[in-house]
Each structure stands twice: as structure tokens, then as C-alpha cells.
Amino acid sequence: AVRNKEQGPIGRIRNLKFAHIVATGESGLLVYGTAESVIEDVSFDDVTFQLRNSRLNASSGGNLDLRPVTDPKLNLFSHDISGLDAEYVKNLSLRDVAITWDGQTEPFFARGLAISHFDRVRIDDFRGAAAPAHPAAAAILLRDGRGYEITNSHSTDPKVPLVEAVSASAE
């Protein structure tokens, strides 16, 4: 949900449900809104996702490509890659979600879940960990938001915390 024209209204993304998915990919899942167009009412239910290694990681990994956009800073830019990254979301629900890694050692691979600029996030039965490159990091990073609830979830590495909340408040 990014602006791709200088003038006129920006579109809205809302009321999406992703269910009963088993997937493997070389980059994480991305839900990317902006302050101008917050993505609303999105749920992931019974989703298993494995990030696998790619021969392109060393040369072109660690970037997001949101083209076409009017803001040149959003064309192609350096960004950590998490199993699921959600930015500018309202009413995001994750239930029975598992994130696994394929031994990625590049430092740009980050968390199992990274959610920022949010209003109401509910996570139930999440299983995952931060990327292998960050063995001491929490599985879930919540930043700049309010109203989160996490139940029945655990890090697949019991030695590290499940959640790191930065400028984020629980319900």
C-alpha cells in the first residue's frame, strides 16, 4: 500500500485472510503499508513458511523492492529480512503460524516476526526463532505500536526470549 501516483487518492488494502498455506521462499512474507495507507484486518491462519538459502543472498539480499512508487527512497532499499515483516498495520491476526530458517548466515536476515507501526496485533500459537545469524535475538520484534496480545506461542530456541517490544504496548 504505497503511493505510485503524485495526485489522487491512494488505494486501501483491508479484509484479507491467508489460510492453510505451506510455503518455501528465498525472502520473507511482507505486509507493507504506509502512514498514508495503513493495511487493515489481515489474518494469517495455519501458515508454515520456510526461508531457504539462495545463491543470490550474497550479491543482492537484504533489500526490499516496492517499485513502482513515487518516493524514490522506497524503490529499492536496504532492509532486514524477517520471516514475516508487517509495517503500518491495524488489526493483524496470526494464528497457528510457524517460521523456519535454512541456516542463513547473512546479517540482514533478522526475526521470525517483525511488526512495526501497528494498532492491535494478536498472535496465537506462533512457533519460530530469529534467523541463525542472530541466535540471541528474540523471535518476535514489536516496534512503535499499541495493543498487542501474544498467547500459546514459543520460541523454537528456549534460551532466548520470545518477544522484544520497543515503544510498543500490550493490550
N, C-alpha and C. Protein backbone atom coordinates (compact mmCIF):
# COMPACT_ATOMS: atom_id res chain seq x y z
N ALA A 1 0.85 -1.18 0.00
CA ALA A 1 0.00 0.00 0.00
C ALA A 1 0.89 1.23 0.00
N VAL A 2 1.49 1.50 -1.14
CA VAL A 2 2.36 2.66 -1.29
C VAL A 2 1.88 3.51 -2.46
N ARG A 3 2.17 4.81 -2.37
CA ARG A 3 1.73 5.74 -3.42
C ARG A 3 2.56 5.51 -4.68
N ASN A 4 1.85 5.36 -5.82
CA ASN A 4 2.56 5.23 -7.09
C ASN A 4 2.16 6.32 -8.09
N LYS A 5 1.34 7.31 -7.63
CA LYS A 5 0.98 8.49 -8.43
C LYS A 5 1.07 9.71 -7.52
N GLU A 6 1.52 10.83 -8.07
CA GLU A 6 1.64 12.05 -7.26
C GLU A 6 0.29 12.55 -6.77
N GLN A 7 -0.72 12.51 -7.59
CA GLN A 7 -2.02 13.08 -7.27
C GLN A 7 -3.07 11.98 -7.12
N GLY A 8 -4.17 12.33 -6.45
CA GLY A 8 -5.29 11.41 -6.32
C GLY A 8 -5.21 10.57 -5.07
N PRO A 9 -6.31 9.87 -4.81
CA PRO A 9 -6.35 9.05 -3.60
C PRO A 9 -5.48 7.81 -3.75
N ILE A 10 -4.98 7.36 -2.62
CA ILE A 10 -4.20 6.12 -2.60
C ILE A 10 -5.16 4.97 -2.28
N GLY A 11 -4.92 3.83 -2.83
CA GLY A 11 -5.78 2.68 -2.57
C GLY A 11 -5.68 2.19 -1.14
N ARG A 12 -6.63 1.38 -0.74
CA ARG A 12 -6.66 0.78 0.59
C ARG A 12 -6.62 -0.74 0.44
N ILE A 13 -5.91 -1.37 1.36
CA ILE A 13 -5.88 -2.83 1.42
C ILE A 13 -6.46 -3.21 2.77
N ARG A 14 -7.50 -4.06 2.75
CA ARG A 14 -8.12 -4.50 4.00
C ARG A 14 -8.90 -5.79 3.76
N ASN A 15 -9.19 -6.47 4.89
CA ASN A 15 -10.02 -7.67 4.88
C ASN A 15 -9.41 -8.81 4.06
N LEU A 16 -8.18 -9.17 4.37
CA LEU A 16 -7.51 -10.28 3.69
C LEU A 16 -7.29 -11.42 4.67
N LYS A 17 -7.47 -12.64 4.18
CA LYS A 17 -7.21 -13.82 5.01
C LYS A 17 -6.37 -14.81 4.21
N PHE A 18 -5.24 -15.19 4.80
CA PHE A 18 -4.37 -16.21 4.23
C PHE A 18 -4.48 -17.43 5.14
N ALA A 19 -4.93 -18.55 4.59
CA ALA A 19 -5.19 -19.72 5.43
C ALA A 19 -4.70 -21.00 4.76
N HIS A 20 -4.25 -21.93 5.61
CA HIS A 20 -3.87 -23.28 5.20
C HIS A 20 -2.81 -23.24 4.10
N ILE A 21 -1.69 -22.58 4.41
CA ILE A 21 -0.60 -22.39 3.44
C ILE A 21 0.67 -23.02 3.99
N VAL A 22 1.34 -23.78 3.14
CA VAL A 22 2.69 -24.28 3.41
C VAL A 22 3.54 -23.76 2.27
N ALA A 23 4.56 -22.94 2.58
CA ALA A 23 5.34 -22.30 1.52
C ALA A 23 6.81 -22.26 1.89
N THR A 24 7.64 -22.19 0.85
CA THR A 24 9.07 -22.03 0.98
C THR A 24 9.47 -20.89 0.06
N GLY A 25 10.35 -20.02 0.52
CA GLY A 25 10.78 -18.92 -0.32
C GLY A 25 12.15 -18.41 0.09
N GLU A 26 12.73 -17.58 -0.76
CA GLU A 26 14.07 -17.04 -0.53
C GLU A 26 14.04 -15.69 0.16
N SER A 27 12.87 -15.13 0.35
CA SER A 27 12.71 -13.87 1.07
C SER A 27 11.46 -13.99 1.92
N GLY A 28 11.31 -13.13 2.89
CA GLY A 28 10.20 -13.26 3.83
C GLY A 28 8.86 -12.80 3.27
N LEU A 29 7.82 -13.05 4.05
CA LEU A 29 6.48 -12.57 3.75
C LEU A 29 6.44 -11.09 4.11
N LEU A 30 5.74 -10.29 3.31
CA LEU A 30 5.75 -8.84 3.52
C LEU A 30 4.34 -8.27 3.44
N VAL A 31 3.96 -7.53 4.48
CA VAL A 31 2.72 -6.76 4.51
C VAL A 31 3.18 -5.33 4.75
N TYR A 32 3.19 -4.47 3.74
CA TYR A 32 3.85 -3.17 3.83
C TYR A 32 2.86 -2.05 3.52
N GLY A 33 2.39 -1.41 4.57
CA GLY A 33 1.57 -0.22 4.41
C GLY A 33 2.41 1.01 4.69
N THR A 34 1.76 2.16 4.66
CA THR A 34 2.42 3.43 4.98
C THR A 34 1.51 4.20 5.93
N ALA A 35 2.02 5.29 6.49
CA ALA A 35 1.20 6.13 7.36
C ALA A 35 -0.02 6.64 6.60
N GLU A 36 0.14 6.85 5.31
CA GLU A 36 -0.95 7.35 4.47
C GLU A 36 -1.97 6.26 4.14
N SER A 37 -1.55 5.02 4.11
CA SER A 37 -2.42 3.91 3.74
C SER A 37 -2.11 2.69 4.60
N VAL A 38 -2.69 2.66 5.79
CA VAL A 38 -2.50 1.56 6.73
C VAL A 38 -3.26 0.34 6.22
N ILE A 39 -2.64 -0.83 6.28
CA ILE A 39 -3.29 -2.08 5.87
C ILE A 39 -4.09 -2.59 7.06
N GLU A 40 -5.38 -2.92 6.82
CA GLU A 40 -6.29 -3.26 7.91
C GLU A 40 -6.88 -4.66 7.78
N ASP A 41 -7.10 -5.26 8.95
CA ASP A 41 -7.84 -6.52 9.06
C ASP A 41 -7.27 -7.63 8.18
N VAL A 42 -6.03 -8.00 8.49
CA VAL A 42 -5.35 -9.07 7.77
C VAL A 42 -5.10 -10.21 8.74
N SER A 43 -5.36 -11.45 8.29
CA SER A 43 -5.11 -12.59 9.15
C SER A 43 -4.32 -13.66 8.39
N PHE A 44 -3.45 -14.31 9.15
CA PHE A 44 -2.71 -15.48 8.69
C PHE A 44 -3.12 -16.60 9.63
N ASP A 45 -3.69 -17.67 9.08
CA ASP A 45 -4.25 -18.76 9.87
C ASP A 45 -3.73 -20.08 9.31
N ASP A 46 -3.01 -20.85 10.14
CA ASP A 46 -2.44 -22.13 9.73
C ASP A 46 -1.49 -21.93 8.55
N VAL A 47 -0.40 -21.18 8.82
CA VAL A 47 0.60 -20.88 7.80
C VAL A 47 1.96 -21.36 8.28
N THR A 48 2.64 -22.13 7.44
CA THR A 48 4.00 -22.59 7.71
C THR A 48 4.88 -22.05 6.59
N PHE A 49 5.94 -21.35 6.98
CA PHE A 49 6.81 -20.73 5.98
C PHE A 49 8.26 -21.01 6.32
N GLN A 50 9.01 -21.51 5.33
CA GLN A 50 10.44 -21.74 5.49
C GLN A 50 11.20 -20.81 4.57
N LEU A 51 12.13 -20.06 5.15
CA LEU A 51 13.04 -19.25 4.34
C LEU A 51 14.22 -20.13 3.98
N ARG A 52 14.44 -20.30 2.71
CA ARG A 52 15.56 -21.14 2.27
C ARG A 52 16.69 -20.26 1.75
N ASN A 53 17.85 -20.81 1.73
CA ASN A 53 19.02 -20.09 1.22
C ASN A 53 18.89 -19.87 -0.27
N SER A 54 19.55 -18.82 -0.73
CA SER A 54 19.58 -18.50 -2.16
C SER A 54 21.01 -18.18 -2.55
N ARG A 55 21.39 -18.55 -3.75
CA ARG A 55 22.72 -18.21 -4.23
C ARG A 55 22.86 -16.71 -4.46
N LEU A 56 21.72 -15.97 -4.49
CA LEU A 56 21.76 -14.53 -4.70
C LEU A 56 21.88 -13.72 -3.41
N ASN A 57 21.82 -14.38 -2.25
CA ASN A 57 21.88 -13.65 -0.98
C ASN A 57 23.10 -12.76 -0.87
N ALA A 58 24.25 -13.26 -1.22
CA ALA A 58 25.50 -12.50 -1.06
C ALA A 58 25.53 -11.26 -1.94
N SER A 59 24.95 -11.33 -3.13
CA SER A 59 25.05 -10.20 -4.05
C SER A 59 23.87 -9.24 -3.98
N SER A 60 22.67 -9.72 -3.69
CA SER A 60 21.52 -8.81 -3.75
C SER A 60 20.52 -8.98 -2.61
N GLY A 61 20.85 -9.75 -1.61
CA GLY A 61 19.94 -9.94 -0.49
C GLY A 61 19.91 -8.74 0.44
N GLY A 62 18.95 -8.72 1.34
CA GLY A 62 18.85 -7.65 2.31
C GLY A 62 18.24 -6.38 1.78
N ASN A 63 17.37 -6.51 0.79
CA ASN A 63 16.72 -5.34 0.18
C ASN A 63 15.24 -5.58 0.02
N LEU A 64 14.48 -4.48 0.07
CA LEU A 64 13.07 -4.51 -0.32
C LEU A 64 12.94 -3.72 -1.61
N ASP A 65 12.06 -4.18 -2.48
CA ASP A 65 11.81 -3.54 -3.77
C ASP A 65 10.31 -3.30 -3.85
N LEU A 66 9.89 -2.05 -3.70
CA LEU A 66 8.46 -1.72 -3.71
C LEU A 66 8.04 -1.03 -5.00
N ARG A 67 8.85 -1.05 -6.01
CA ARG A 67 8.53 -0.38 -7.28
C ARG A 67 7.24 -0.92 -7.88
N PRO A 68 6.43 -0.08 -8.51
CA PRO A 68 6.63 1.34 -8.78
C PRO A 68 6.07 2.20 -7.64
N VAL A 69 6.82 3.15 -7.18
CA VAL A 69 6.40 4.10 -6.15
C VAL A 69 6.89 5.49 -6.51
N THR A 70 6.21 6.52 -5.99
CA THR A 70 6.65 7.89 -6.28
C THR A 70 7.82 8.31 -5.41
N ASP A 71 7.92 7.77 -4.21
CA ASP A 71 9.02 8.12 -3.30
C ASP A 71 10.25 7.29 -3.67
N PRO A 72 11.30 7.93 -4.21
CA PRO A 72 12.47 7.17 -4.65
C PRO A 72 13.15 6.38 -3.52
N LYS A 73 12.95 6.81 -2.26
CA LYS A 73 13.54 6.07 -1.14
C LYS A 73 12.92 4.69 -0.98
N LEU A 74 11.73 4.48 -1.56
CA LEU A 74 11.05 3.19 -1.44
C LEU A 74 11.21 2.30 -2.67
N ASN A 75 11.92 2.77 -3.68
CA ASN A 75 12.11 1.95 -4.88
C ASN A 75 12.80 0.63 -4.53
N LEU A 76 14.03 0.72 -4.14
CA LEU A 76 14.85 -0.43 -3.77
C LEU A 76 15.73 0.05 -2.64
N PHE A 77 15.59 -0.56 -1.46
CA PHE A 77 16.33 -0.06 -0.31
C PHE A 77 16.73 -1.19 0.63
N SER A 78 17.80 -0.95 1.36
CA SER A 78 18.31 -1.91 2.32
C SER A 78 17.32 -2.09 3.47
N HIS A 79 17.05 -3.34 3.85
CA HIS A 79 16.07 -3.62 4.90
C HIS A 79 16.33 -5.03 5.43
N ASP A 80 16.26 -5.18 6.75
CA ASP A 80 16.34 -6.53 7.30
C ASP A 80 15.22 -7.39 6.74
N ILE A 81 15.49 -8.67 6.63
CA ILE A 81 14.51 -9.62 6.12
C ILE A 81 14.10 -10.54 7.27
N SER A 82 12.82 -10.51 7.60
CA SER A 82 12.27 -11.39 8.63
C SER A 82 11.38 -12.44 7.99
N GLY A 83 11.01 -13.44 8.77
CA GLY A 83 10.10 -14.45 8.24
C GLY A 83 8.80 -13.81 7.76
N LEU A 84 8.26 -12.92 8.60
CA LEU A 84 7.10 -12.11 8.22
C LEU A 84 7.36 -10.71 8.75
N ASP A 85 7.33 -9.74 7.86
CA ASP A 85 7.53 -8.34 8.21
C ASP A 85 6.22 -7.61 7.89
N ALA A 86 5.67 -6.93 8.90
CA ALA A 86 4.44 -6.15 8.71
C ALA A 86 4.68 -4.73 9.19
N GLU A 87 4.39 -3.76 8.34
CA GLU A 87 4.58 -2.35 8.69
C GLU A 87 3.30 -1.58 8.38
N TYR A 88 2.93 -0.70 9.30
CA TYR A 88 1.70 0.10 9.20
C TYR A 88 0.50 -0.82 8.97
N VAL A 89 0.15 -1.54 10.04
CA VAL A 89 -0.98 -2.46 10.01
C VAL A 89 -1.92 -2.17 11.18
N LYS A 90 -3.18 -2.47 10.96
CA LYS A 90 -4.20 -2.36 12.00
C LYS A 90 -5.01 -3.65 12.00
N ASN A 91 -5.19 -4.23 13.17
CA ASN A 91 -5.94 -5.49 13.31
C ASN A 91 -5.29 -6.62 12.52
N LEU A 92 -4.04 -6.90 12.85
CA LEU A 92 -3.31 -8.02 12.26
C LEU A 92 -3.46 -9.22 13.19
N SER A 93 -3.84 -10.36 12.62
CA SER A 93 -4.03 -11.58 13.40
C SER A 93 -3.18 -12.70 12.81
N LEU A 94 -2.39 -13.34 13.69
CA LEU A 94 -1.59 -14.50 13.29
C LEU A 94 -1.97 -15.65 14.20
N ARG A 95 -2.47 -16.74 13.63
CA ARG A 95 -2.86 -17.91 14.41
C ARG A 95 -2.28 -19.15 13.75
N ASP A 96 -1.61 -19.97 14.57
CA ASP A 96 -1.00 -21.20 14.08
C ASP A 96 -0.04 -20.91 12.93
N VAL A 97 0.96 -20.08 13.23
CA VAL A 97 1.97 -19.68 12.24
C VAL A 97 3.33 -20.20 12.69
N ALA A 98 4.05 -20.82 11.77
CA ALA A 98 5.40 -21.32 12.04
C ALA A 98 6.36 -20.76 11.00
N ILE A 99 7.51 -20.29 11.47
CA ILE A 99 8.56 -19.77 10.60
C ILE A 99 9.82 -20.58 10.87
N THR A 100 10.45 -21.11 9.81
CA THR A 100 11.71 -21.84 9.96
C THR A 100 12.75 -21.26 9.01
N TRP A 101 14.00 -21.52 9.33
CA TRP A 101 15.13 -20.99 8.57
C TRP A 101 15.97 -22.13 8.02
N ASP A 102 16.69 -21.85 6.93
CA ASP A 102 17.54 -22.84 6.27
C ASP A 102 19.02 -22.51 6.50
N GLY A 103 19.36 -22.09 7.72
CA GLY A 103 20.75 -21.84 8.07
C GLY A 103 21.35 -20.56 7.52
N GLN A 104 20.54 -19.55 7.25
CA GLN A 104 21.05 -18.29 6.69
C GLN A 104 22.03 -17.63 7.66
N THR A 105 23.19 -17.24 7.14
CA THR A 105 24.20 -16.60 7.97
C THR A 105 24.38 -15.12 7.66
N GLU A 106 23.74 -14.63 6.62
CA GLU A 106 23.85 -13.21 6.27
C GLU A 106 23.20 -12.38 7.37
N PRO A 107 23.83 -11.28 7.77
CA PRO A 107 23.33 -10.49 8.90
C PRO A 107 22.00 -9.79 8.63
N PHE A 108 21.59 -9.65 7.38
CA PHE A 108 20.33 -8.96 7.10
C PHE A 108 19.12 -9.84 7.39
N PHE A 109 19.30 -11.15 7.52
CA PHE A 109 18.18 -11.99 7.95
C PHE A 109 17.99 -11.75 9.44
N ALA A 110 16.76 -11.50 9.88
CA ALA A 110 16.56 -10.96 11.23
C ALA A 110 15.67 -11.83 12.11
N ARG A 111 14.41 -11.53 12.20
CA ARG A 111 13.50 -12.12 13.18
C ARG A 111 12.52 -13.08 12.52
N GLY A 112 11.89 -13.89 13.35
CA GLY A 112 10.79 -14.69 12.84
C GLY A 112 9.64 -13.79 12.41
N LEU A 113 9.26 -12.85 13.30
CA LEU A 113 8.24 -11.85 13.02
C LEU A 113 8.79 -10.48 13.37
N ALA A 114 8.58 -9.49 12.51
CA ALA A 114 8.92 -8.10 12.80
C ALA A 114 7.71 -7.26 12.43
N ILE A 115 7.10 -6.63 13.42
CA ILE A 115 5.86 -5.88 13.20
C ILE A 115 6.07 -4.47 13.76
N SER A 116 5.87 -3.45 12.92
CA SER A 116 6.08 -2.08 13.37
C SER A 116 4.94 -1.18 12.91
N HIS A 117 4.79 -0.07 13.63
CA HIS A 117 3.73 0.90 13.34
C HIS A 117 2.38 0.18 13.26
N PHE A 118 2.00 -0.40 14.38
CA PHE A 118 0.79 -1.22 14.40
C PHE A 118 -0.22 -0.71 15.39
N ASP A 119 -1.46 -1.08 15.15
CA ASP A 119 -2.57 -0.83 16.06
C ASP A 119 -3.35 -2.14 16.15
N ARG A 120 -3.21 -2.83 17.23
CA ARG A 120 -3.85 -4.11 17.52
C ARG A 120 -3.29 -5.26 16.68
N VAL A 121 -2.48 -6.04 17.37
CA VAL A 121 -1.91 -7.26 16.79
C VAL A 121 -2.20 -8.40 17.75
N ARG A 122 -2.71 -9.49 17.21
CA ARG A 122 -2.97 -10.68 18.02
C ARG A 122 -2.19 -11.82 17.42
N ILE A 123 -1.37 -12.48 18.27
CA ILE A 123 -0.55 -13.61 17.85
C ILE A 123 -0.91 -14.79 18.74
N ASP A 124 -1.38 -15.88 18.15
CA ASP A 124 -1.74 -17.07 18.91
C ASP A 124 -1.11 -18.29 18.24
N ASP A 125 -0.38 -19.06 19.01
CA ASP A 125 0.27 -20.29 18.53
C ASP A 125 1.30 -20.00 17.44
N PHE A 126 2.23 -19.08 17.74
CA PHE A 126 3.37 -18.84 16.86
C PHE A 126 4.53 -19.72 17.30
N ARG A 127 5.24 -20.30 16.31
CA ARG A 127 6.42 -21.09 16.56
C ARG A 127 7.51 -20.61 15.61
N GLY A 128 8.63 -20.20 16.20
CA GLY A 128 9.73 -19.73 15.36
C GLY A 128 10.83 -19.15 16.19
N ALA A 129 11.84 -18.65 15.51
CA ALA A 129 13.00 -18.05 16.17
C ALA A 129 13.56 -16.98 15.24
N ALA A 130 14.48 -16.20 15.79
CA ALA A 130 15.22 -15.27 14.94
C ALA A 130 16.10 -16.06 13.98
N ALA A 131 16.59 -15.39 12.98
CA ALA A 131 17.45 -16.04 11.98
C ALA A 131 18.72 -16.58 12.64
N PRO A 132 19.31 -17.62 12.06
CA PRO A 132 20.54 -18.19 12.62
C PRO A 132 21.67 -17.18 12.79
N ALA A 133 21.68 -16.11 12.00
CA ALA A 133 22.71 -15.08 12.13
C ALA A 133 22.57 -14.27 13.41
N HIS A 134 21.42 -14.38 14.08
CA HIS A 134 21.15 -13.62 15.31
C HIS A 134 20.64 -14.57 16.40
N PRO A 135 21.46 -15.49 16.87
CA PRO A 135 20.98 -16.52 17.78
C PRO A 135 20.50 -16.00 19.14
N ALA A 136 20.89 -14.81 19.55
CA ALA A 136 20.47 -14.28 20.86
C ALA A 136 19.27 -13.35 20.75
N ALA A 137 18.77 -13.10 19.55
CA ALA A 137 17.66 -12.17 19.36
C ALA A 137 16.32 -12.85 19.63
N ALA A 138 15.36 -12.06 20.08
CA ALA A 138 14.01 -12.58 20.29
C ALA A 138 13.40 -12.98 18.96
N ALA A 139 12.50 -13.95 19.00
CA ALA A 139 11.83 -14.42 17.78
C ALA A 139 10.93 -13.36 17.18
N ILE A 140 10.30 -12.55 18.04
CA ILE A 140 9.33 -11.54 17.60
C ILE A 140 9.82 -10.16 18.01
N LEU A 141 9.84 -9.23 17.06
CA LEU A 141 10.14 -7.83 17.35
C LEU A 141 8.89 -7.01 17.09
N LEU A 142 8.42 -6.31 18.12
CA LEU A 142 7.27 -5.40 18.00
C LEU A 142 7.80 -3.99 18.24
N ARG A 143 7.54 -3.08 17.30
CA ARG A 143 8.09 -1.73 17.40
C ARG A 143 7.03 -0.70 17.04
N ASP A 144 6.98 0.36 17.86
CA ASP A 144 6.14 1.53 17.57
C ASP A 144 4.68 1.15 17.32
N GLY A 145 4.06 0.59 18.34
CA GLY A 145 2.66 0.22 18.19
C GLY A 145 1.96 0.08 19.51
N ARG A 146 0.67 -0.21 19.42
CA ARG A 146 -0.11 -0.37 20.64
C ARG A 146 -1.12 -1.49 20.46
N GLY A 147 -1.39 -2.15 21.57
CA GLY A 147 -2.43 -3.16 21.57
C GLY A 147 -2.01 -4.50 21.02
N TYR A 148 -0.98 -5.12 21.60
CA TYR A 148 -0.64 -6.47 21.14
C TYR A 148 -0.97 -7.49 22.22
N GLU A 149 -1.32 -8.69 21.75
CA GLU A 149 -1.61 -9.82 22.63
C GLU A 149 -0.95 -11.06 22.03
N ILE A 150 -0.19 -11.78 22.85
CA ILE A 150 0.50 -12.98 22.39
C ILE A 150 0.14 -14.13 23.33
N THR A 151 -0.41 -15.21 22.77
CA THR A 151 -0.81 -16.36 23.57
C THR A 151 -0.30 -17.65 22.92
N ASN A 152 -0.12 -18.67 23.75
CA ASN A 152 0.21 -20.03 23.28
C ASN A 152 1.36 -20.06 22.28
N SER A 153 2.33 -19.18 22.42
CA SER A 153 3.42 -19.07 21.46
C SER A 153 4.75 -19.33 22.15
N HIS A 154 5.73 -19.77 21.37
CA HIS A 154 7.05 -20.02 21.94
C HIS A 154 8.14 -19.90 20.89
N SER A 155 9.31 -19.55 21.37
CA SER A 155 10.48 -19.54 20.52
C SER A 155 10.95 -20.98 20.35
N THR A 156 11.37 -21.32 19.17
CA THR A 156 11.90 -22.67 18.96
C THR A 156 13.28 -22.82 19.59
N ASP A 157 13.87 -21.71 20.06
CA ASP A 157 15.10 -21.77 20.83
C ASP A 157 14.76 -21.32 22.25
N PRO A 158 14.65 -22.25 23.20
CA PRO A 158 14.20 -21.88 24.55
C PRO A 158 15.19 -21.01 25.32
N LYS A 159 16.40 -20.80 24.80
CA LYS A 159 17.38 -19.99 25.51
C LYS A 159 17.21 -18.49 25.27
N VAL A 160 16.37 -18.11 24.33
CA VAL A 160 16.19 -16.69 24.01
C VAL A 160 14.75 -16.27 24.26
N PRO A 161 14.51 -14.99 24.52
CA PRO A 161 13.15 -14.54 24.76
C PRO A 161 12.29 -14.63 23.50
N LEU A 162 11.00 -14.75 23.71
CA LEU A 162 10.06 -14.80 22.60
C LEU A 162 9.89 -13.43 21.97
N VAL A 163 9.75 -12.37 22.80
CA VAL A 163 9.34 -11.06 22.31
C VAL A 163 10.31 -9.97 22.77
N GLU A 164 10.59 -9.06 21.86
CA GLU A 164 11.24 -7.80 22.19
C GLU A 164 10.28 -6.71 21.76
N ALA A 165 9.84 -5.88 22.70
CA ALA A 165 8.91 -4.79 22.41
C ALA A 165 9.63 -3.46 22.60
N VAL A 166 9.68 -2.66 21.53
CA VAL A 166 10.34 -1.35 21.55
C VAL A 166 9.28 -0.30 21.25
N SER A 167 9.02 0.55 22.20
CA SER A 167 7.96 1.57 22.05
C SER A 167 6.64 0.92 21.63
N ALA A 168 6.34 -0.21 22.24
CA ALA A 168 5.12 -0.95 21.94
C ALA A 168 4.44 -1.32 23.24
N SER A 169 3.11 -1.24 23.27
CA SER A 169 2.38 -1.56 24.49
C SER A 169 1.40 -2.70 24.25
N ALA A 170 1.28 -3.54 25.26
CA ALA A 170 0.33 -4.65 25.20
C ALA A 170 -1.08 -4.12 25.46
N GLU A 171 -2.06 -4.98 25.23
CA GLU A 171 -3.46 -4.61 25.50
C GLU A 171 -3.69 -4.52 26.98
